PDB file of all heavy atoms in Angstrom:
ATOM      1  N   TRP A   1       0.834  -1.196   0.000  1.00  0.00           N
ATOM      2  CA  TRP A   1       0.000   0.000   0.000  1.00  0.00           C
ATOM      3  C   TRP A   1       0.875   1.254   0.000  1.00  0.00           C
ATOM      4  O   TRP A   1       1.876   1.328   0.715  1.00  0.00           O
ATOM      5  CB  TRP A   1      -0.880   0.053   1.256  1.00  0.00           C
ATOM      6  CG  TRP A   1      -1.772  -1.129   1.457  1.00  0.00           C
ATOM      7  CD1 TRP A   1      -2.060  -2.117   0.561  1.00  0.00           C
ATOM      8  CD2 TRP A   1      -2.483  -1.450   2.658  1.00  0.00           C
ATOM      9  NE1 TRP A   1      -2.908  -3.036   1.117  1.00  0.00           N
ATOM     10  CE2 TRP A   1      -3.180  -2.659   2.409  1.00  0.00           C
ATOM     11  CE3 TRP A   1      -2.599  -0.849   3.906  1.00  0.00           C
ATOM     12  CZ2 TRP A   1      -3.981  -3.264   3.375  1.00  0.00           C
ATOM     13  CZ3 TRP A   1      -3.397  -1.442   4.871  1.00  0.00           C
ATOM     14  CH2 TRP A   1      -4.086  -2.629   4.594  1.00  0.00           C
ATOM     15  N   PRO A   2       0.469   2.274  -0.752  1.00  0.00           N
ATOM     16  CA  PRO A   2       1.155   3.574  -0.640  1.00  0.00           C
ATOM     17  C   PRO A   2       0.937   4.147   0.754  1.00  0.00           C
ATOM     18  O   PRO A   2      -0.024   3.799   1.450  1.00  0.00           O
ATOM     19  CB  PRO A   2       0.478   4.436  -1.709  1.00  0.00           C
ATOM     20  CG  PRO A   2      -0.248   3.481  -2.594  1.00  0.00           C
ATOM     21  CD  PRO A   2      -0.586   2.285  -1.770  1.00  0.00           C
ATOM     22  N   LEU A   3       1.817   5.038   1.152  1.00  0.00           N
ATOM     23  CA  LEU A   3       1.743   5.622   2.493  1.00  0.00           C
ATOM     24  C   LEU A   3       0.386   6.275   2.781  1.00  0.00           C
ATOM     25  O   LEU A   3      -0.172   6.071   3.869  1.00  0.00           O
ATOM     26  CB  LEU A   3       2.877   6.636   2.685  1.00  0.00           C
ATOM     27  CG  LEU A   3       2.955   7.302   4.056  1.00  0.00           C
ATOM     28  CD1 LEU A   3       3.129   6.263   5.155  1.00  0.00           C
ATOM     29  CD2 LEU A   3       4.105   8.305   4.095  1.00  0.00           C
ATOM     30  N   PRO A   4      -0.211   7.045   1.847  1.00  0.00           N
ATOM     31  CA  PRO A   4      -1.531   7.631   2.142  1.00  0.00           C
ATOM     32  C   PRO A   4      -2.597   6.575   2.426  1.00  0.00           C
ATOM     33  O   PRO A   4      -3.480   6.787   3.271  1.00  0.00           O
ATOM     34  CB  PRO A   4      -1.862   8.420   0.871  1.00  0.00           C
ATOM     35  CG  PRO A   4      -0.536   8.733   0.260  1.00  0.00           C
ATOM     36  CD  PRO A   4       0.316   7.539   0.551  1.00  0.00           C
ATOM     37  N   THR A   5      -2.506   5.446   1.744  1.00  0.00           N
ATOM     38  CA  THR A   5      -3.475   4.366   1.988  1.00  0.00           C
ATOM     39  C   THR A   5      -3.287   3.793   3.387  1.00  0.00           C
ATOM     40  O   THR A   5      -4.267   3.538   4.110  1.00  0.00           O
ATOM     41  CB  THR A   5      -3.317   3.254   0.937  1.00  0.00           C
ATOM     42  OG1 THR A   5      -3.582   3.792  -0.361  1.00  0.00           O
ATOM     43  CG2 THR A   5      -4.267   2.096   1.211  1.00  0.00           C
ATOM     44  N   ILE A   6      -2.052   3.577   3.783  1.00  0.00           N
ATOM     45  CA  ILE A   6      -1.785   3.060   5.128  1.00  0.00           C
ATOM     46  C   ILE A   6      -2.348   4.008   6.181  1.00  0.00           C
ATOM     47  O   ILE A   6      -3.041   3.589   7.115  1.00  0.00           O
ATOM     48  CB  ILE A   6      -0.267   2.863   5.337  1.00  0.00           C
ATOM     49  CG1 ILE A   6       0.253   1.728   4.450  1.00  0.00           C
ATOM     50  CG2 ILE A   6       0.038   2.573   6.800  1.00  0.00           C
ATOM     51  CD1 ILE A   6       1.752   1.519   4.536  1.00  0.00           C
ATOM     52  N   GLN A   7      -2.067   5.301   6.022  1.00  0.00           N
ATOM     53  CA  GLN A   7      -2.543   6.280   6.999  1.00  0.00           C
ATOM     54  C   GLN A   7      -4.071   6.312   7.048  1.00  0.00           C
ATOM     55  O   GLN A   7      -4.669   6.400   8.126  1.00  0.00           O
ATOM     56  CB  GLN A   7      -1.998   7.671   6.674  1.00  0.00           C
ATOM     57  CG  GLN A   7      -0.486   7.789   6.740  1.00  0.00           C
ATOM     58  CD  GLN A   7       0.075   7.801   8.157  1.00  0.00           C
ATOM     59  OE1 GLN A   7       1.259   7.986   8.343  1.00  0.00           O
ATOM     60  NE2 GLN A   7      -0.743   7.611   9.163  1.00  0.00           N
ATOM     61  N   SER A   8      -4.713   6.204   5.886  1.00  0.00           N
ATOM     62  CA  SER A   8      -6.183   6.241   5.848  1.00  0.00           C
ATOM     63  C   SER A   8      -6.779   5.026   6.542  1.00  0.00           C
ATOM     64  O   SER A   8      -7.746   5.145   7.309  1.00  0.00           O
ATOM     65  CB  SER A   8      -6.669   6.307   4.398  1.00  0.00           C
ATOM     66  OG  SER A   8      -6.257   7.505   3.777  1.00  0.00           O
ATOM     67  N   VAL A   9      -6.216   3.851   6.281  1.00  0.00           N
ATOM     68  CA  VAL A   9      -6.725   2.620   6.911  1.00  0.00           C
ATOM     69  C   VAL A   9      -6.580   2.708   8.423  1.00  0.00           C
ATOM     70  O   VAL A   9      -7.515   2.373   9.181  1.00  0.00           O
ATOM     71  CB  VAL A   9      -5.988   1.387   6.356  1.00  0.00           C
ATOM     72  CG1 VAL A   9      -6.317   0.140   7.185  1.00  0.00           C
ATOM     73  CG2 VAL A   9      -6.357   1.156   4.897  1.00  0.00           C
ATOM     74  N   LEU A  10      -5.432   3.184   8.894  1.00  0.00           N
ATOM     75  CA  LEU A  10      -5.212   3.282  10.338  1.00  0.00           C
ATOM     76  C   LEU A  10      -6.162   4.304  10.961  1.00  0.00           C
ATOM     77  O   LEU A  10      -6.658   4.101  12.076  1.00  0.00           O
ATOM     78  CB  LEU A  10      -3.760   3.658  10.625  1.00  0.00           C
ATOM     79  CG  LEU A  10      -2.683   2.665  10.159  1.00  0.00           C
ATOM     80  CD1 LEU A  10      -1.304   3.115  10.620  1.00  0.00           C
ATOM     81  CD2 LEU A  10      -2.964   1.256  10.648  1.00  0.00           C
ATOM     82  N   ASN A  11      -6.434   5.395  10.247  1.00  0.00           N
ATOM     83  CA  ASN A  11      -7.374   6.395  10.762  1.00  0.00           C
ATOM     84  C   ASN A  11      -8.786   5.835  10.851  1.00  0.00           C
ATOM     85  O   ASN A  11      -9.528   6.116  11.803  1.00  0.00           O
ATOM     86  CB  ASN A  11      -7.363   7.633   9.866  1.00  0.00           C
ATOM     87  CG  ASN A  11      -6.087   8.444  10.010  1.00  0.00           C
ATOM     88  OD1 ASN A  11      -5.414   8.369  11.031  1.00  0.00           O
ATOM     89  ND2 ASN A  11      -5.750   9.215   8.986  1.00  0.00           N
ATOM     90  N   ILE A  12      -9.180   5.037   9.864  1.00  0.00           N
ATOM     91  CA  ILE A  12     -10.516   4.431   9.867  1.00  0.00           C
ATOM     92  C   ILE A  12     -10.650   3.452  11.034  1.00  0.00           C
ATOM     93  O   ILE A  12     -11.678   3.401  11.712  1.00  0.00           O
ATOM     94  CB  ILE A  12     -10.790   3.727   8.530  1.00  0.00           C
ATOM     95  CG1 ILE A  12     -10.897   4.760   7.392  1.00  0.00           C
ATOM     96  CG2 ILE A  12     -12.071   2.888   8.604  1.00  0.00           C
ATOM     97  CD1 ILE A  12     -10.938   4.149   6.014  1.00  0.00           C
ATOM     98  N   TRP A  13      -9.590   2.701  11.285  1.00  0.00           N
ATOM     99  CA  TRP A  13      -9.633   1.738  12.383  1.00  0.00           C
ATOM    100  C   TRP A  13      -9.671   2.423  13.741  1.00  0.00           C
ATOM    101  O   TRP A  13     -10.207   1.881  14.707  1.00  0.00           O
ATOM    102  CB  TRP A  13      -8.417   0.814  12.318  1.00  0.00           C
ATOM    103  CG  TRP A  13      -8.566  -0.283  11.288  1.00  0.00           C
ATOM    104  CD1 TRP A  13      -9.702  -0.660  10.643  1.00  0.00           C
ATOM    105  CD2 TRP A  13      -7.524  -1.131  10.799  1.00  0.00           C
ATOM    106  NE1 TRP A  13      -9.446  -1.701   9.781  1.00  0.00           N
ATOM    107  CE2 TRP A  13      -8.113  -2.017   9.855  1.00  0.00           C
ATOM    108  CE3 TRP A  13      -6.167  -1.230  11.039  1.00  0.00           C
ATOM    109  CZ2 TRP A  13      -7.377  -2.978   9.171  1.00  0.00           C
ATOM    110  CZ3 TRP A  13      -5.429  -2.197  10.363  1.00  0.00           C
ATOM    111  CH2 TRP A  13      -6.032  -3.060   9.443  1.00  0.00           C
ATOM    112  N   GLY A  14      -9.089   3.619  13.850  1.00  0.00           N
ATOM    113  CA  GLY A  14      -9.085   4.323  15.134  1.00  0.00           C
ATOM    114  C   GLY A  14      -8.342   3.530  16.189  1.00  0.00           C
ATOM    115  O   GLY A  14      -7.191   3.135  16.001  1.00  0.00           O
ATOM    116  N   ASN A  15      -9.027   3.289  17.322  1.00  0.00           N
ATOM    117  CA  ASN A  15      -8.383   2.515  18.384  1.00  0.00           C
ATOM    118  C   ASN A  15      -8.771   1.038  18.335  1.00  0.00           C
ATOM    119  O   ASN A  15      -8.638   0.317  19.318  1.00  0.00           O
ATOM    120  CB  ASN A  15      -8.718   3.107  19.758  1.00  0.00           C
ATOM    121  CG  ASN A  15     -10.222   3.114  20.020  1.00  0.00           C
ATOM    122  OD1 ASN A  15     -11.023   2.716  19.172  1.00  0.00           O
ATOM    123  ND2 ASN A  15     -10.613   3.577  21.202  1.00  0.00           N
ATOM    124  N   GLN A  16      -9.258   0.577  17.185  1.00  0.00           N
ATOM    125  CA  GLN A  16      -9.558  -0.839  16.989  1.00  0.00           C
ATOM    126  C   GLN A  16      -8.347  -1.546  16.372  1.00  0.00           C
ATOM    127  O   GLN A  16      -7.520  -0.928  15.710  1.00  0.00           O
ATOM    128  CB  GLN A  16     -10.751  -1.023  16.052  1.00  0.00           C
ATOM    129  CG  GLN A  16     -12.043  -0.390  16.506  1.00  0.00           C
ATOM    130  CD  GLN A  16     -13.160  -0.676  15.524  1.00  0.00           C
ATOM    131  OE1 GLN A  16     -13.808  -1.721  15.571  1.00  0.00           O
ATOM    132  NE2 GLN A  16     -13.370   0.252  14.609  1.00  0.00           N
ATOM    133  N   PHE A  17      -8.256  -2.828  16.603  1.00  0.00           N
ATOM    134  CA  PHE A  17      -7.245  -3.688  15.971  1.00  0.00           C
ATOM    135  C   PHE A  17      -5.834  -3.113  16.148  1.00  0.00           C
ATOM    136  O   PHE A  17      -5.038  -3.056  15.209  1.00  0.00           O
ATOM    137  CB  PHE A  17      -7.538  -3.882  14.473  1.00  0.00           C
ATOM    138  CG  PHE A  17      -8.984  -4.054  14.135  1.00  0.00           C
ATOM    139  CD1 PHE A  17      -9.638  -3.168  13.291  1.00  0.00           C
ATOM    140  CD2 PHE A  17      -9.719  -5.092  14.692  1.00  0.00           C
ATOM    141  CE1 PHE A  17     -10.973  -3.319  12.992  1.00  0.00           C
ATOM    142  CE2 PHE A  17     -11.068  -5.258  14.396  1.00  0.00           C
ATOM    143  CZ  PHE A  17     -11.700  -4.360  13.538  1.00  0.00           C
ATOM    144  N   LEU A  18      -5.535  -2.684  17.375  1.00  0.00           N
ATOM    145  CA  LEU A  18      -4.232  -2.076  17.622  1.00  0.00           C
ATOM    146  C   LEU A  18      -3.094  -3.052  17.367  1.00  0.00           C
ATOM    147  O   LEU A  18      -1.987  -2.640  17.000  1.00  0.00           O
ATOM    148  CB  LEU A  18      -4.163  -1.541  19.056  1.00  0.00           C
ATOM    149  CG  LEU A  18      -5.004  -0.280  19.339  1.00  0.00           C
ATOM    150  CD1 LEU A  18      -4.881   0.134  20.793  1.00  0.00           C
ATOM    151  CD2 LEU A  18      -4.581   0.869  18.429  1.00  0.00           C
ATOM    152  N   TYR A  19      -3.328  -4.339  17.553  1.00  0.00           N
ATOM    153  CA  TYR A  19      -2.261  -5.309  17.302  1.00  0.00           C
ATOM    154  C   TYR A  19      -1.911  -5.362  15.817  1.00  0.00           C
ATOM    155  O   TYR A  19      -0.743  -5.560  15.454  1.00  0.00           O
ATOM    156  CB  TYR A  19      -2.656  -6.693  17.834  1.00  0.00           C
ATOM    157  CG  TYR A  19      -3.869  -7.320  17.181  1.00  0.00           C
ATOM    158  CD1 TYR A  19      -3.737  -8.209  16.124  1.00  0.00           C
ATOM    159  CD2 TYR A  19      -5.157  -7.032  17.648  1.00  0.00           C
ATOM    160  CE1 TYR A  19      -4.840  -8.791  15.534  1.00  0.00           C
ATOM    161  CE2 TYR A  19      -6.262  -7.607  17.063  1.00  0.00           C
ATOM    162  CZ  TYR A  19      -6.103  -8.488  15.998  1.00  0.00           C
ATOM    163  OH  TYR A  19      -7.207  -9.070  15.411  1.00  0.00           O
ATOM    164  N   LEU A  20      -2.917  -5.148  14.946  1.00  0.00           N
ATOM    165  CA  LEU A  20      -2.627  -5.077  13.511  1.00  0.00           C
ATOM    166  C   LEU A  20      -1.887  -3.782  13.182  1.00  0.00           C
ATOM    167  O   LEU A  20      -0.950  -3.761  12.380  1.00  0.00           O
ATOM    168  CB  LEU A  20      -3.918  -5.159  12.698  1.00  0.00           C
ATOM    169  CG  LEU A  20      -4.711  -6.469  12.767  1.00  0.00           C
ATOM    170  CD1 LEU A  20      -5.976  -6.362  11.911  1.00  0.00           C
ATOM    171  CD2 LEU A  20      -3.867  -7.644  12.290  1.00  0.00           C
ATOM    172  N   GLN A  21      -2.312  -2.698  13.807  1.00  0.00           N
ATOM    173  CA  GLN A  21      -1.669  -1.412  13.561  1.00  0.00           C
ATOM    174  C   GLN A  21      -0.220  -1.413  14.044  1.00  0.00           C
ATOM    175  O   GLN A  21       0.665  -0.839  13.392  1.00  0.00           O
ATOM    176  CB  GLN A  21      -2.453  -0.298  14.259  1.00  0.00           C
ATOM    177  CG  GLN A  21      -3.881  -0.141  13.737  1.00  0.00           C
ATOM    178  CD  GLN A  21      -4.564   1.098  14.295  1.00  0.00           C
ATOM    179  OE1 GLN A  21      -4.010   2.190  14.232  1.00  0.00           O
ATOM    180  NE2 GLN A  21      -5.765   0.925  14.834  1.00  0.00           N
ATOM    181  N   LEU A  22       0.032  -2.074  15.171  1.00  0.00           N
ATOM    182  CA  LEU A  22       1.403  -2.157  15.672  1.00  0.00           C
ATOM    183  C   LEU A  22       2.288  -2.958  14.713  1.00  0.00           C
ATOM    184  O   LEU A  22       3.449  -2.600  14.483  1.00  0.00           O
ATOM    185  CB  LEU A  22       1.413  -2.797  17.066  1.00  0.00           C
ATOM    186  CG  LEU A  22       2.777  -2.904  17.745  1.00  0.00           C
ATOM    187  CD1 LEU A  22       3.374  -1.515  17.966  1.00  0.00           C
ATOM    188  CD2 LEU A  22       2.662  -3.659  19.062  1.00  0.00           C
ATOM    189  N   GLY A  23       1.725  -4.025  14.144  1.00  0.00           N
ATOM    190  CA  GLY A  23       2.480  -4.802  13.160  1.00  0.00           C
ATOM    191  C   GLY A  23       2.845  -3.965  11.945  1.00  0.00           C
ATOM    192  O   GLY A  23       3.970  -4.050  11.429  1.00  0.00           O
ATOM    193  N   ILE A  24       1.911  -3.141  11.469  1.00  0.00           N
ATOM    194  CA  ILE A  24       2.173  -2.271  10.313  1.00  0.00           C
ATOM    195  C   ILE A  24       3.216  -1.217  10.665  1.00  0.00           C
ATOM    196  O   ILE A  24       4.109  -0.904   9.859  1.00  0.00           O
ATOM    197  CB  ILE A  24       0.860  -1.620   9.835  1.00  0.00           C
ATOM    198  CG1 ILE A  24      -0.058  -2.687   9.227  1.00  0.00           C
ATOM    199  CG2 ILE A  24       1.128  -0.517   8.825  1.00  0.00           C
ATOM    200  CD1 ILE A  24      -1.450  -2.184   8.870  1.00  0.00           C
ATOM    201  N   LEU A  25       3.129  -0.665  11.876  1.00  0.00           N
ATOM    202  CA  LEU A  25       4.116   0.325  12.305  1.00  0.00           C
ATOM    203  C   LEU A  25       5.517  -0.285  12.324  1.00  0.00           C
ATOM    204  O   LEU A  25       6.465   0.278  11.756  1.00  0.00           O
ATOM    205  CB  LEU A  25       3.761   0.854  13.699  1.00  0.00           C
ATOM    206  CG  LEU A  25       4.816   1.760  14.350  1.00  0.00           C
ATOM    207  CD1 LEU A  25       4.909   3.092  13.624  1.00  0.00           C
ATOM    208  CD2 LEU A  25       4.510   1.975  15.828  1.00  0.00           C
ATOM    209  N   ASN A  26       5.667  -1.442  12.962  1.00  0.00           N
ATOM    210  CA  ASN A  26       6.992  -2.047  13.131  1.00  0.00           C
ATOM    211  C   ASN A  26       7.581  -2.553  11.826  1.00  0.00           C
ATOM    212  O   ASN A  26       8.778  -2.384  11.561  1.00  0.00           O
ATOM    213  CB  ASN A  26       6.913  -3.199  14.144  1.00  0.00           C
ATOM    214  CG  ASN A  26       6.751  -2.704  15.566  1.00  0.00           C
ATOM    215  OD1 ASN A  26       7.194  -1.612  15.911  1.00  0.00           O
ATOM    216  ND2 ASN A  26       6.098  -3.485  16.397  1.00  0.00           N
ATOM    217  N   SER A  27       6.758  -3.195  11.013  1.00  0.00           N
ATOM    218  CA  SER A  27       7.277  -3.891   9.834  1.00  0.00           C
ATOM    219  C   SER A  27       7.296  -3.051   8.571  1.00  0.00           C
ATOM    220  O   SER A  27       7.953  -3.424   7.601  1.00  0.00           O
ATOM    221  CB  SER A  27       6.448  -5.165   9.581  1.00  0.00           C
ATOM    222  OG  SER A  27       6.547  -6.050  10.668  1.00  0.00           O
ATOM    223  N   ILE A  28       6.553  -1.936   8.560  1.00  0.00           N
ATOM    224  CA  ILE A  28       6.482  -1.131   7.330  1.00  0.00           C
ATOM    225  C   ILE A  28       6.909   0.312   7.587  1.00  0.00           C
ATOM    226  O   ILE A  28       7.885   0.797   7.021  1.00  0.00           O
ATOM    227  CB  ILE A  28       5.065  -1.181   6.734  1.00  0.00           C
ATOM    228  CG1 ILE A  28       4.711  -2.617   6.366  1.00  0.00           C
ATOM    229  CG2 ILE A  28       4.961  -0.278   5.521  1.00  0.00           C
ATOM    230  CD1 ILE A  28       3.302  -2.813   5.899  1.00  0.00           C
ATOM    231  N   LEU A  29       6.177   1.006   8.444  1.00  0.00           N
ATOM    232  CA  LEU A  29       6.421   2.436   8.612  1.00  0.00           C
ATOM    233  C   LEU A  29       7.797   2.728   9.202  1.00  0.00           C
ATOM    234  O   LEU A  29       8.485   3.660   8.766  1.00  0.00           O
ATOM    235  CB  LEU A  29       5.322   3.047   9.481  1.00  0.00           C
ATOM    236  CG  LEU A  29       3.913   3.000   8.884  1.00  0.00           C
ATOM    237  CD1 LEU A  29       2.901   3.602   9.852  1.00  0.00           C
ATOM    238  CD2 LEU A  29       3.860   3.729   7.547  1.00  0.00           C
ATOM    239  N   LEU A  30       8.216   1.942  10.182  1.00  0.00           N
ATOM    240  CA  LEU A  30       9.521   2.193  10.776  1.00  0.00           C
ATOM    241  C   LEU A  30      10.656   1.779   9.844  1.00  0.00           C
ATOM    242  O   LEU A  30      11.755   2.338   9.912  1.00  0.00           O
ATOM    243  CB  LEU A  30       9.638   1.475  12.128  1.00  0.00           C
ATOM    244  CG  LEU A  30       8.784   2.092  13.247  1.00  0.00           C
ATOM    245  CD1 LEU A  30       8.894   1.285  14.534  1.00  0.00           C
ATOM    246  CD2 LEU A  30       9.180   3.549  13.510  1.00  0.00           C
ATOM    247  N   LYS A  31      10.409   0.810   8.956  1.00  0.00           N
ATOM    248  CA  LYS A  31      11.412   0.482   7.944  1.00  0.00           C
ATOM    249  C   LYS A  31      11.566   1.621   6.950  1.00  0.00           C
ATOM    250  O   LYS A  31      12.678   1.944   6.519  1.00  0.00           O
ATOM    251  CB  LYS A  31      11.015  -0.805   7.213  1.00  0.00           C
ATOM    252  CG  LYS A  31      11.272  -2.080   8.004  1.00  0.00           C
ATOM    253  CD  LYS A  31      10.961  -3.304   7.179  1.00  0.00           C
ATOM    254  CE  LYS A  31      11.260  -4.576   7.955  1.00  0.00           C
ATOM    255  NZ  LYS A  31      10.959  -5.796   7.154  1.00  0.00           N
ATOM    256  N   LYS A  32      10.430   2.234   6.583  1.00  0.00           N
ATOM    257  CA  LYS A  32      10.499   3.403   5.707  1.00  0.00           C
ATOM    258  C   LYS A  32      11.231   4.548   6.402  1.00  0.00           C
ATOM    259  O   LYS A  32      12.014   5.274   5.789  1.00  0.00           O
ATOM    260  CB  LYS A  32       9.089   3.849   5.311  1.00  0.00           C
ATOM    261  CG  LYS A  32       8.392   2.952   4.287  1.00  0.00           C
ATOM    262  CD  LYS A  32       7.006   3.504   3.982  1.00  0.00           C
ATOM    263  CE  LYS A  32       6.304   2.708   2.891  1.00  0.00           C
ATOM    264  NZ  LYS A  32       6.929   2.893   1.573  1.00  0.00           N
TER     265      LYS A  32
END
């Protein structure tokens, strides 16, 4: 996913599915 898509998905989820959001942060965003 492009960065804007990632940010939009995380915003839609809000405080739901934080374990999925943490995985995306660690494995994708922090690598970028």
